[in-house]
Amino acid sequence: MNIIVEIVVSLLLIGSGIFALTGAIGLVKLEDCIQRLHAPTKAATLGVGGVLVASSVYFTMKSGALSFHEILIALFILLTAPITANFISKVYIEGAKSREDLPQTGTQHGWAIYDDPPRK
């Protein structure tokens, strides 16, 4: 295999490891649930994405055919991580904040979590 490809794969793995480590440190060090949610969602997604891109480059160059498995996994992670973070933040707001604690939205609509009819 070409030395340039090996360098590119190595740099992608090192960079993704740094992102994943940053996300893990942020998860441990940050104080609030929302702050803890932000660090791993952003950094770990980039970390896993970097590993998948490195794997895709490696196996594409080794076999000579494009590797779709890593691309599909990366697409799945990039689509589901923001949705999961949104759901977790809504649950946090529901449990820890009242309507009066939240800032005004600046529109005619309020916070969506409090605009639903009350549960019975």
N, C-alpha and C. Protein backbone atom coordinates (compact mmCIF):
# COMPACT_ATOMS: atom_id res chain seq x y z
N MET A 1 0.85 -1.18 0.00
CA MET A 1 0.00 0.00 0.00
C MET A 1 0.89 1.24 0.00
N ASN A 2 0.39 2.28 -0.56
CA ASN A 2 1.11 3.53 -0.71
C ASN A 2 1.35 4.17 0.66
N ILE A 3 2.52 4.77 0.85
CA ILE A 3 2.85 5.41 2.12
C ILE A 3 1.95 6.62 2.39
N ILE A 4 1.51 7.29 1.36
CA ILE A 4 0.62 8.45 1.53
C ILE A 4 -0.72 8.02 2.10
N VAL A 5 -1.23 6.89 1.63
CA VAL A 5 -2.50 6.37 2.15
C VAL A 5 -2.34 5.99 3.62
N GLU A 6 -1.22 5.38 3.96
CA GLU A 6 -1.00 5.02 5.36
C GLU A 6 -0.89 6.25 6.25
N ILE A 7 -0.28 7.30 5.76
CA ILE A 7 -0.18 8.55 6.53
C ILE A 7 -1.56 9.17 6.70
N VAL A 8 -2.35 9.17 5.64
CA VAL A 8 -3.70 9.74 5.73
C VAL A 8 -4.56 8.95 6.72
N VAL A 9 -4.50 7.64 6.66
CA VAL A 9 -5.27 6.81 7.59
C VAL A 9 -4.79 7.04 9.02
N SER A 10 -3.49 7.14 9.22
CA SER A 10 -2.94 7.38 10.56
C SER A 10 -3.39 8.74 11.09
N LEU A 11 -3.34 9.77 10.26
CA LEU A 11 -3.77 11.10 10.70
C LEU A 11 -5.27 11.12 11.03
N LEU A 12 -6.06 10.43 10.24
CA LEU A 12 -7.49 10.36 10.54
C LEU A 12 -7.75 9.65 11.87
N LEU A 13 -7.02 8.57 12.13
CA LEU A 13 -7.19 7.85 13.38
C LEU A 13 -6.73 8.68 14.58
N ILE A 14 -5.62 9.39 14.44
CA ILE A 14 -5.13 10.24 15.53
C ILE A 14 -6.11 11.38 15.78
N GLY A 15 -6.58 12.02 14.73
CA GLY A 15 -7.54 13.11 14.89
C GLY A 15 -8.85 12.65 15.51
N SER A 16 -9.34 11.51 15.07
CA SER A 16 -10.59 11.01 15.65
C SER A 16 -10.40 10.58 17.09
N GLY A 17 -9.23 10.07 17.43
CA GLY A 17 -8.94 9.74 18.83
C GLY A 17 -8.92 10.97 19.70
N ILE A 18 -8.39 12.07 19.19
CA ILE A 18 -8.37 13.33 19.94
C ILE A 18 -9.79 13.83 20.16
N PHE A 19 -10.62 13.77 19.13
CA PHE A 19 -12.03 14.18 19.29
C PHE A 19 -12.76 13.31 20.30
N ALA A 20 -12.56 12.00 20.24
CA ALA A 20 -13.23 11.10 21.17
C ALA A 20 -12.74 11.33 22.61
N LEU A 21 -11.46 11.57 22.78
CA LEU A 21 -10.92 11.86 24.10
C LEU A 21 -11.48 13.17 24.64
N THR A 22 -11.60 14.18 23.79
CA THR A 22 -12.18 15.46 24.20
C THR A 22 -13.63 15.27 24.64
N GLY A 23 -14.38 14.48 23.92
CA GLY A 23 -15.76 14.21 24.30
C GLY A 23 -15.87 13.48 25.62
N ALA A 24 -14.97 12.52 25.85
CA ALA A 24 -14.99 11.77 27.11
C ALA A 24 -14.61 12.67 28.29
N ILE A 25 -13.61 13.52 28.11
CA ILE A 25 -13.22 14.44 29.17
C ILE A 25 -14.34 15.43 29.46
N GLY A 26 -14.99 15.92 28.41
CA GLY A 26 -16.12 16.83 28.59
C GLY A 26 -17.28 16.18 29.31
N LEU A 27 -17.51 14.92 29.05
CA LEU A 27 -18.58 14.20 29.74
C LEU A 27 -18.31 14.09 31.23
N VAL A 28 -17.06 13.92 31.60
CA VAL A 28 -16.71 13.79 33.00
C VAL A 28 -16.62 15.15 33.70
N LYS A 29 -16.05 16.15 33.04
CA LYS A 29 -15.74 17.41 33.69
C LYS A 29 -16.88 18.42 33.73
N LEU A 30 -17.78 18.41 32.77
CA LEU A 30 -18.82 19.44 32.72
C LEU A 30 -19.86 19.21 33.80
N GLU A 31 -20.51 20.29 34.22
CA GLU A 31 -21.35 20.26 35.41
C GLU A 31 -22.80 19.85 35.15
N ASP A 32 -23.41 20.43 34.16
CA ASP A 32 -24.84 20.31 33.94
C ASP A 32 -25.15 19.22 32.92
N CYS A 33 -26.37 18.72 32.94
CA CYS A 33 -26.78 17.68 31.99
C CYS A 33 -26.67 18.16 30.55
N ILE A 34 -27.09 19.39 30.30
CA ILE A 34 -27.05 19.92 28.93
C ILE A 34 -25.60 20.11 28.48
N GLN A 35 -24.73 20.58 29.38
CA GLN A 35 -23.32 20.70 29.02
C GLN A 35 -22.72 19.33 28.76
N ARG A 36 -23.06 18.36 29.59
CA ARG A 36 -22.54 17.00 29.39
C ARG A 36 -23.06 16.39 28.11
N LEU A 37 -24.24 16.79 27.70
CA LEU A 37 -24.82 16.27 26.47
C LEU A 37 -24.08 16.83 25.25
N HIS A 38 -23.67 18.07 25.33
CA HIS A 38 -23.05 18.73 24.18
C HIS A 38 -21.69 18.13 23.82
N ALA A 39 -20.87 17.88 24.83
CA ALA A 39 -19.50 17.42 24.55
C ALA A 39 -19.46 16.08 23.83
N PRO A 40 -20.10 15.03 24.34
CA PRO A 40 -19.99 13.77 23.62
C PRO A 40 -20.76 13.73 22.31
N THR A 41 -21.84 14.49 22.22
CA THR A 41 -22.62 14.48 20.98
C THR A 41 -21.79 15.02 19.83
N LYS A 42 -21.11 16.13 20.05
CA LYS A 42 -20.32 16.72 18.98
C LYS A 42 -18.98 16.01 18.78
N ALA A 43 -18.24 15.87 19.85
CA ALA A 43 -16.88 15.35 19.73
C ALA A 43 -16.86 13.86 19.41
N ALA A 44 -17.70 13.09 20.04
CA ALA A 44 -17.68 11.66 19.79
C ALA A 44 -18.21 11.33 18.39
N THR A 45 -19.15 12.12 17.91
CA THR A 45 -19.62 11.91 16.55
C THR A 45 -18.49 12.15 15.56
N LEU A 46 -17.69 13.20 15.77
CA LEU A 46 -16.54 13.44 14.90
C LEU A 46 -15.48 12.35 15.08
N GLY A 47 -15.32 11.86 16.31
CA GLY A 47 -14.36 10.79 16.56
C GLY A 47 -14.74 9.51 15.84
N VAL A 48 -15.98 9.09 15.98
CA VAL A 48 -16.44 7.87 15.29
C VAL A 48 -16.43 8.09 13.78
N GLY A 49 -16.81 9.28 13.35
CA GLY A 49 -16.78 9.58 11.92
C GLY A 49 -15.38 9.49 11.34
N GLY A 50 -14.39 9.98 12.08
CA GLY A 50 -13.01 9.89 11.61
C GLY A 50 -12.51 8.46 11.50
N VAL A 51 -12.88 7.63 12.47
CA VAL A 51 -12.49 6.22 12.42
C VAL A 51 -13.15 5.54 11.21
N LEU A 52 -14.41 5.87 10.96
CA LEU A 52 -15.10 5.25 9.83
C LEU A 52 -14.53 5.72 8.49
N VAL A 53 -14.16 6.99 8.40
CA VAL A 53 -13.54 7.48 7.16
C VAL A 53 -12.18 6.82 6.97
N ALA A 54 -11.41 6.70 8.05
CA ALA A 54 -10.10 6.03 7.95
C ALA A 54 -10.27 4.58 7.52
N SER A 55 -11.26 3.89 8.09
CA SER A 55 -11.52 2.50 7.71
C SER A 55 -11.94 2.40 6.25
N SER A 56 -12.77 3.33 5.82
CA SER A 56 -13.23 3.33 4.42
C SER A 56 -12.07 3.56 3.46
N VAL A 57 -11.20 4.51 3.79
CA VAL A 57 -10.04 4.78 2.94
C VAL A 57 -9.12 3.56 2.89
N TYR A 58 -8.87 2.95 4.05
CA TYR A 58 -7.98 1.80 4.11
C TYR A 58 -8.51 0.63 3.27
N PHE A 59 -9.77 0.26 3.49
CA PHE A 59 -10.30 -0.90 2.78
C PHE A 59 -10.57 -0.61 1.31
N THR A 60 -10.83 0.64 0.97
CA THR A 60 -10.98 0.99 -0.44
C THR A 60 -9.64 0.85 -1.16
N MET A 61 -8.58 1.31 -0.54
CA MET A 61 -7.27 1.20 -1.17
C MET A 61 -6.75 -0.25 -1.17
N LYS A 62 -7.12 -1.02 -0.16
CA LYS A 62 -6.65 -2.40 -0.09
C LYS A 62 -7.35 -3.30 -1.09
N SER A 63 -8.69 -3.15 -1.19
CA SER A 63 -9.45 -4.04 -2.06
C SER A 63 -9.65 -3.47 -3.46
N GLY A 64 -9.52 -2.17 -3.61
CA GLY A 64 -9.73 -1.56 -4.92
C GLY A 64 -11.18 -1.23 -5.22
N ALA A 65 -12.09 -1.56 -4.30
CA ALA A 65 -13.51 -1.25 -4.46
C ALA A 65 -13.96 -0.37 -3.30
N LEU A 66 -14.92 0.48 -3.58
CA LEU A 66 -15.43 1.40 -2.56
C LEU A 66 -16.14 0.62 -1.46
N SER A 67 -15.85 0.94 -0.23
CA SER A 67 -16.44 0.26 0.92
C SER A 67 -17.66 1.05 1.39
N PHE A 68 -18.85 0.47 1.23
CA PHE A 68 -20.09 1.16 1.57
C PHE A 68 -20.50 0.97 3.03
N HIS A 69 -19.99 -0.04 3.70
CA HIS A 69 -20.40 -0.31 5.08
C HIS A 69 -20.11 0.88 5.99
N GLU A 70 -18.88 1.39 5.91
CA GLU A 70 -18.49 2.50 6.77
C GLU A 70 -19.27 3.77 6.43
N ILE A 71 -19.55 3.97 5.16
CA ILE A 71 -20.31 5.15 4.76
C ILE A 71 -21.72 5.08 5.31
N LEU A 72 -22.34 3.92 5.26
CA LEU A 72 -23.69 3.78 5.81
C LEU A 72 -23.71 3.94 7.33
N ILE A 73 -22.72 3.40 8.01
CA ILE A 73 -22.65 3.56 9.46
C ILE A 73 -22.47 5.04 9.83
N ALA A 74 -21.57 5.74 9.13
CA ALA A 74 -21.35 7.16 9.40
C ALA A 74 -22.61 7.97 9.12
N LEU A 75 -23.31 7.66 8.06
CA LEU A 75 -24.56 8.36 7.75
C LEU A 75 -25.59 8.13 8.84
N PHE A 76 -25.70 6.90 9.32
CA PHE A 76 -26.63 6.58 10.39
C PHE A 76 -26.29 7.36 11.66
N ILE A 77 -25.03 7.42 12.02
CA ILE A 77 -24.62 8.13 13.23
C ILE A 77 -24.87 9.63 13.07
N LEU A 78 -24.53 10.18 11.92
CA LEU A 78 -24.74 11.61 11.71
C LEU A 78 -26.21 12.00 11.71
N LEU A 79 -27.08 11.06 11.34
CA LEU A 79 -28.51 11.36 11.36
C LEU A 79 -29.14 11.15 12.73
N THR A 80 -28.67 10.17 13.48
CA THR A 80 -29.33 9.85 14.75
C THR A 80 -28.79 10.61 15.95
N ALA A 81 -27.54 11.02 15.96
CA ALA A 81 -26.97 11.71 17.12
C ALA A 81 -27.69 13.02 17.44
N PRO A 82 -27.98 13.89 16.48
CA PRO A 82 -28.70 15.13 16.82
C PRO A 82 -30.12 14.87 17.30
N ILE A 83 -30.78 13.87 16.75
CA ILE A 83 -32.15 13.56 17.18
C ILE A 83 -32.14 13.05 18.61
N THR A 84 -31.19 12.20 18.94
CA THR A 84 -31.08 11.69 20.31
C THR A 84 -30.77 12.82 21.28
N ALA A 85 -29.87 13.72 20.91
CA ALA A 85 -29.54 14.85 21.77
C ALA A 85 -30.76 15.75 21.98
N ASN A 86 -31.57 15.94 20.96
CA ASN A 86 -32.78 16.74 21.09
C ASN A 86 -33.75 16.10 22.07
N PHE A 87 -33.95 14.80 21.97
CA PHE A 87 -34.86 14.12 22.89
C PHE A 87 -34.36 14.19 24.33
N ILE A 88 -33.07 13.99 24.53
CA ILE A 88 -32.52 14.03 25.89
C ILE A 88 -32.66 15.44 26.46
N SER A 89 -32.42 16.47 25.66
CA SER A 89 -32.55 17.84 26.17
C SER A 89 -34.00 18.17 26.49
N LYS A 90 -34.95 17.67 25.71
CA LYS A 90 -36.36 17.91 26.02
C LYS A 90 -36.77 17.23 27.32
N VAL A 91 -36.27 16.03 27.56
CA VAL A 91 -36.56 15.35 28.82
C VAL A 91 -35.97 16.12 29.99
N TYR A 92 -34.76 16.67 29.81
CA TYR A 92 -34.14 17.47 30.87
C TYR A 92 -34.96 18.72 31.15
N ILE A 93 -35.39 19.41 30.12
CA ILE A 93 -36.20 20.62 30.31
C ILE A 93 -37.50 20.27 31.01
N GLU A 94 -38.13 19.18 30.62
CA GLU A 94 -39.39 18.75 31.24
C GLU A 94 -39.22 18.48 32.73
N GLY A 95 -38.12 17.85 33.10
CA GLY A 95 -37.94 17.46 34.50
C GLY A 95 -37.32 18.52 35.38
N ALA A 96 -36.50 19.40 34.82
CA ALA A 96 -35.72 20.31 35.66
C ALA A 96 -36.14 21.77 35.56
N LYS A 97 -36.86 22.16 34.56
CA LYS A 97 -37.18 23.57 34.35
C LYS A 97 -38.69 23.77 34.29
N SER A 98 -39.12 24.91 34.78
CA SER A 98 -40.53 25.29 34.62
C SER A 98 -40.63 26.29 33.47
N ARG A 99 -41.83 26.58 33.06
CA ARG A 99 -42.04 27.51 31.95
C ARG A 99 -41.44 28.88 32.26
N GLU A 100 -41.51 29.29 33.51
CA GLU A 100 -41.01 30.62 33.90
C GLU A 100 -39.48 30.68 33.91
N ASP A 101 -38.81 29.56 34.06
CA ASP A 101 -37.35 29.53 34.09
C ASP A 101 -36.72 29.70 32.72
N LEU A 102 -37.49 29.45 31.67
CA LEU A 102 -36.93 29.49 30.31
C LEU A 102 -37.03 30.89 29.73
N PRO A 103 -36.09 31.28 28.88
CA PRO A 103 -36.16 32.61 28.25
C PRO A 103 -37.28 32.67 27.23
N GLN A 104 -37.69 33.88 26.89
CA GLN A 104 -38.72 34.07 25.87
C GLN A 104 -38.17 33.65 24.51
N THR A 105 -39.04 33.10 23.68
CA THR A 105 -38.60 32.63 22.37
C THR A 105 -38.53 33.75 21.34
N GLY A 106 -39.20 34.85 21.58
CA GLY A 106 -39.19 35.96 20.63
C GLY A 106 -40.19 35.79 19.50
N THR A 107 -41.02 34.77 19.56
CA THR A 107 -42.06 34.56 18.56
C THR A 107 -43.39 34.41 19.28
N GLN A 108 -44.45 34.24 18.51
CA GLN A 108 -45.75 34.05 19.12
C GLN A 108 -45.90 32.67 19.75
N HIS A 109 -45.00 31.76 19.41
CA HIS A 109 -45.04 30.42 19.96
C HIS A 109 -44.07 30.31 21.13
N GLY A 110 -44.44 29.56 22.12
CA GLY A 110 -43.57 29.33 23.26
C GLY A 110 -42.69 28.12 23.03
N TRP A 111 -42.20 27.57 24.12
CA TRP A 111 -41.40 26.36 24.04
C TRP A 111 -42.30 25.19 23.72
N ALA A 112 -41.92 24.38 22.74
CA ALA A 112 -42.78 23.30 22.25
C ALA A 112 -43.09 22.28 23.33
N ILE A 113 -42.19 22.09 24.24
CA ILE A 113 -42.40 21.09 25.26
C ILE A 113 -43.53 21.49 26.21
N TYR A 114 -43.80 22.80 26.35
CA TYR A 114 -44.84 23.25 27.23
C TYR A 114 -46.13 23.61 26.48
N ASP A 115 -46.10 23.58 25.15
CA ASP A 115 -47.30 23.88 24.38
C ASP A 115 -48.20 22.68 24.19
N ASP A 116 -47.72 21.49 24.55
CA ASP A 116 -48.56 20.30 24.46
C ASP A 116 -49.66 20.35 25.51
N PRO A 117 -50.79 19.70 25.24
CA PRO A 117 -51.83 19.65 26.28
C PRO A 117 -51.34 18.85 27.48
N PRO A 118 -51.82 19.18 28.68
CA PRO A 118 -51.36 18.44 29.87
C PRO A 118 -51.71 16.97 29.81
N ARG A 119 -50.81 16.17 30.37
CA ARG A 119 -51.04 14.72 30.40
C ARG A 119 -51.94 14.37 31.57
N LYS A 120 -52.68 13.29 31.40
CA LYS A 120 -53.57 12.85 32.46
C LYS A 120 -53.00 11.68 33.19
